[in-house]
Amino acid sequence: VNTITQTRKSRLGRWRNVRNVFEPTDTANIKGKRILLVDDIITTGATLEACANALYSASPQSISIACIAAAQ
């Protein structure tokens, strides 16, 4: 889903902007698997949270997160 840029949004605005944009397309390949989400930079974590929430609906064994940097 094409969303509005997150750069000038508040924490709540970022969460609202992406909360329903992710949906797993092949849940059979996710069920029981260990998933690693990778992001270049974590600012509020809204995108990772929205993605992880969508993946949880497909019953993975676990979801881990890796990032290169975190904004302060």
N, C-alpha and C. Protein backbone atom coordinates (compact mmCIF):
# COMPACT_ATOMS: atom_id res chain seq x y z
N VAL A 1 0.85 -1.17 0.00
CA VAL A 1 0.00 0.00 0.00
C VAL A 1 0.89 1.23 0.00
N ASN A 2 0.60 2.14 -0.86
CA ASN A 2 1.34 3.39 -0.93
C ASN A 2 0.80 4.33 0.15
N THR A 3 1.65 4.74 1.08
CA THR A 3 1.22 5.60 2.18
C THR A 3 1.89 6.96 2.09
N ILE A 4 1.38 7.89 2.86
CA ILE A 4 1.97 9.22 2.97
C ILE A 4 3.28 9.10 3.75
N THR A 5 4.26 9.92 3.41
CA THR A 5 5.55 9.88 4.08
C THR A 5 5.40 10.00 5.60
N GLN A 6 6.27 9.31 6.31
CA GLN A 6 6.25 9.30 7.77
C GLN A 6 7.10 10.43 8.36
N THR A 7 7.91 11.09 7.55
CA THR A 7 8.95 11.97 8.06
C THR A 7 8.48 13.10 8.96
N ARG A 8 7.31 13.65 8.73
CA ARG A 8 6.86 14.78 9.54
C ARG A 8 5.68 14.43 10.45
N LYS A 9 5.48 13.16 10.68
CA LYS A 9 4.37 12.73 11.51
C LYS A 9 4.81 12.47 12.95
N SER A 10 3.87 12.65 13.86
CA SER A 10 4.11 12.32 15.27
C SER A 10 4.13 10.80 15.42
N ARG A 11 4.47 10.35 16.61
CA ARG A 11 4.48 8.91 16.88
C ARG A 11 3.09 8.29 16.59
N LEU A 12 2.05 8.92 17.09
CA LEU A 12 0.70 8.43 16.86
C LEU A 12 0.33 8.51 15.38
N GLY A 13 0.71 9.59 14.73
CA GLY A 13 0.44 9.76 13.31
C GLY A 13 1.11 8.69 12.46
N ARG A 14 2.34 8.34 12.82
CA ARG A 14 3.06 7.28 12.10
C ARG A 14 2.35 5.95 12.27
N TRP A 15 1.92 5.65 13.49
CA TRP A 15 1.22 4.40 13.76
C TRP A 15 -0.08 4.33 12.95
N ARG A 16 -0.84 5.41 12.96
CA ARG A 16 -2.10 5.44 12.22
C ARG A 16 -1.88 5.30 10.72
N ASN A 17 -0.77 5.84 10.23
CA ASN A 17 -0.47 5.83 8.80
C ASN A 17 -0.20 4.41 8.27
N VAL A 18 0.30 3.53 9.13
CA VAL A 18 0.69 2.19 8.66
C VAL A 18 -0.02 1.03 9.35
N ARG A 19 -0.94 1.32 10.25
CA ARG A 19 -1.50 0.25 11.09
C ARG A 19 -2.23 -0.85 10.33
N ASN A 20 -2.77 -0.58 9.16
CA ASN A 20 -3.51 -1.61 8.41
C ASN A 20 -3.00 -1.81 6.99
N VAL A 21 -1.74 -1.51 6.74
CA VAL A 21 -1.25 -1.60 5.37
C VAL A 21 -0.54 -2.91 5.03
N PHE A 22 -0.22 -3.72 6.02
CA PHE A 22 0.50 -4.97 5.77
C PHE A 22 -0.45 -6.16 5.89
N GLU A 23 -0.26 -7.13 5.00
CA GLU A 23 -1.06 -8.34 5.03
C GLU A 23 -0.24 -9.47 4.42
N PRO A 24 -0.06 -10.56 5.15
CA PRO A 24 0.70 -11.67 4.58
C PRO A 24 -0.05 -12.28 3.40
N THR A 25 0.67 -12.60 2.33
CA THR A 25 0.03 -13.15 1.14
C THR A 25 0.09 -14.67 1.10
N ASP A 26 1.03 -15.26 1.81
CA ASP A 26 1.16 -16.72 1.81
C ASP A 26 1.35 -17.20 3.25
N THR A 27 0.27 -17.31 3.99
CA THR A 27 0.36 -17.63 5.41
C THR A 27 0.94 -19.02 5.66
N ALA A 28 0.81 -19.93 4.71
CA ALA A 28 1.36 -21.27 4.89
C ALA A 28 2.88 -21.23 5.02
N ASN A 29 3.53 -20.29 4.36
CA ASN A 29 4.99 -20.16 4.44
C ASN A 29 5.45 -19.43 5.69
N ILE A 30 4.54 -18.89 6.46
CA ILE A 30 4.88 -18.15 7.68
C ILE A 30 4.61 -18.99 8.93
N LYS A 31 3.56 -19.79 8.89
CA LYS A 31 3.14 -20.57 10.06
C LYS A 31 4.28 -21.44 10.59
N GLY A 32 4.60 -21.25 11.87
CA GLY A 32 5.62 -22.04 12.54
C GLY A 32 7.05 -21.64 12.25
N LYS A 33 7.25 -20.62 11.45
CA LYS A 33 8.60 -20.18 11.08
C LYS A 33 9.10 -19.09 12.02
N ARG A 34 10.41 -18.96 12.09
CA ARG A 34 11.03 -17.86 12.82
C ARG A 34 11.27 -16.75 11.80
N ILE A 35 10.71 -15.58 12.05
CA ILE A 35 10.74 -14.46 11.12
C ILE A 35 11.72 -13.39 11.63
N LEU A 36 12.51 -12.85 10.72
CA LEU A 36 13.40 -11.74 11.04
C LEU A 36 12.97 -10.54 10.21
N LEU A 37 12.51 -9.48 10.87
CA LEU A 37 12.17 -8.21 10.21
C LEU A 37 13.41 -7.33 10.26
N VAL A 38 13.77 -6.73 9.14
CA VAL A 38 14.95 -5.87 9.07
C VAL A 38 14.51 -4.49 8.62
N ASP A 39 14.97 -3.47 9.34
CA ASP A 39 14.66 -2.08 9.00
C ASP A 39 15.96 -1.30 9.02
N ASP A 40 16.07 -0.28 8.17
CA ASP A 40 17.31 0.50 8.13
C ASP A 40 17.46 1.38 9.37
N ILE A 41 16.37 2.00 9.80
CA ILE A 41 16.42 2.85 10.99
C ILE A 41 15.08 2.79 11.71
N ILE A 42 15.13 2.68 13.02
CA ILE A 42 13.90 2.68 13.81
C ILE A 42 13.75 4.06 14.43
N THR A 43 12.65 4.72 14.11
CA THR A 43 12.36 6.01 14.74
C THR A 43 11.34 5.79 15.85
N THR A 44 10.10 5.48 15.49
CA THR A 44 9.09 5.20 16.51
C THR A 44 8.77 3.72 16.60
N GLY A 45 9.16 2.96 15.59
CA GLY A 45 8.84 1.54 15.56
C GLY A 45 7.47 1.23 15.01
N ALA A 46 6.76 2.23 14.52
CA ALA A 46 5.39 2.05 14.04
C ALA A 46 5.32 1.09 12.85
N THR A 47 6.23 1.20 11.91
CA THR A 47 6.22 0.34 10.73
C THR A 47 6.51 -1.10 11.12
N LEU A 48 7.53 -1.30 11.96
CA LEU A 48 7.85 -2.65 12.40
C LEU A 48 6.70 -3.27 13.20
N GLU A 49 6.07 -2.47 14.06
CA GLU A 49 4.95 -2.96 14.84
C GLU A 49 3.79 -3.38 13.94
N ALA A 50 3.46 -2.56 12.95
CA ALA A 50 2.36 -2.87 12.05
C ALA A 50 2.66 -4.14 11.24
N CYS A 51 3.89 -4.26 10.79
CA CYS A 51 4.28 -5.45 10.03
C CYS A 51 4.25 -6.69 10.91
N ALA A 52 4.79 -6.60 12.10
CA ALA A 52 4.80 -7.74 13.02
C ALA A 52 3.37 -8.15 13.38
N ASN A 53 2.51 -7.20 13.62
CA ASN A 53 1.11 -7.52 13.95
C ASN A 53 0.44 -8.28 12.81
N ALA A 54 0.71 -7.88 11.58
CA ALA A 54 0.15 -8.58 10.43
C ALA A 54 0.71 -10.00 10.34
N LEU A 55 1.99 -10.16 10.59
CA LEU A 55 2.61 -11.49 10.54
C LEU A 55 2.09 -12.41 11.64
N TYR A 56 1.80 -11.87 12.81
CA TYR A 56 1.29 -12.69 13.91
C TYR A 56 -0.01 -13.40 13.53
N SER A 57 -0.78 -12.81 12.65
CA SER A 57 -2.03 -13.44 12.23
C SER A 57 -1.79 -14.75 11.48
N ALA A 58 -0.56 -14.95 10.99
CA ALA A 58 -0.20 -16.17 10.26
C ALA A 58 0.49 -17.19 11.16
N SER A 59 0.53 -16.94 12.46
CA SER A 59 1.07 -17.87 13.46
C SER A 59 2.53 -18.28 13.28
N PRO A 60 3.45 -17.31 13.21
CA PRO A 60 4.85 -17.69 13.17
C PRO A 60 5.30 -18.21 14.53
N GLN A 61 6.42 -18.92 14.56
CA GLN A 61 6.96 -19.38 15.84
C GLN A 61 7.45 -18.19 16.64
N SER A 62 8.16 -17.27 15.95
CA SER A 62 8.67 -16.06 16.61
C SER A 62 8.93 -14.99 15.57
N ILE A 63 9.01 -13.75 16.04
CA ILE A 63 9.37 -12.62 15.18
C ILE A 63 10.47 -11.86 15.90
N SER A 64 11.60 -11.67 15.22
CA SER A 64 12.72 -10.89 15.74
C SER A 64 12.90 -9.67 14.86
N ILE A 65 13.58 -8.66 15.41
CA ILE A 65 13.80 -7.41 14.68
C ILE A 65 15.29 -7.08 14.67
N ALA A 66 15.78 -6.65 13.52
CA ALA A 66 17.15 -6.17 13.39
C ALA A 66 17.11 -4.82 12.70
N CYS A 67 17.98 -3.90 13.12
CA CYS A 67 18.05 -2.60 12.46
C CYS A 67 19.50 -2.14 12.43
N ILE A 68 19.77 -1.22 11.55
CA ILE A 68 21.11 -0.65 11.42
C ILE A 68 21.30 0.48 12.40
N ALA A 69 20.26 1.26 12.63
CA ALA A 69 20.36 2.41 13.53
C ALA A 69 19.00 2.70 14.16
N ALA A 70 19.05 3.40 15.27
CA ALA A 70 17.83 3.85 15.95
C ALA A 70 17.92 5.34 16.16
N ALA A 71 16.85 6.06 15.81
CA ALA A 71 16.81 7.50 16.01
C ALA A 71 16.62 7.82 17.48
N GLN A 72 17.14 8.95 17.90
CA GLN A 72 17.00 9.34 19.30
C GLN A 72 16.21 10.61 19.42
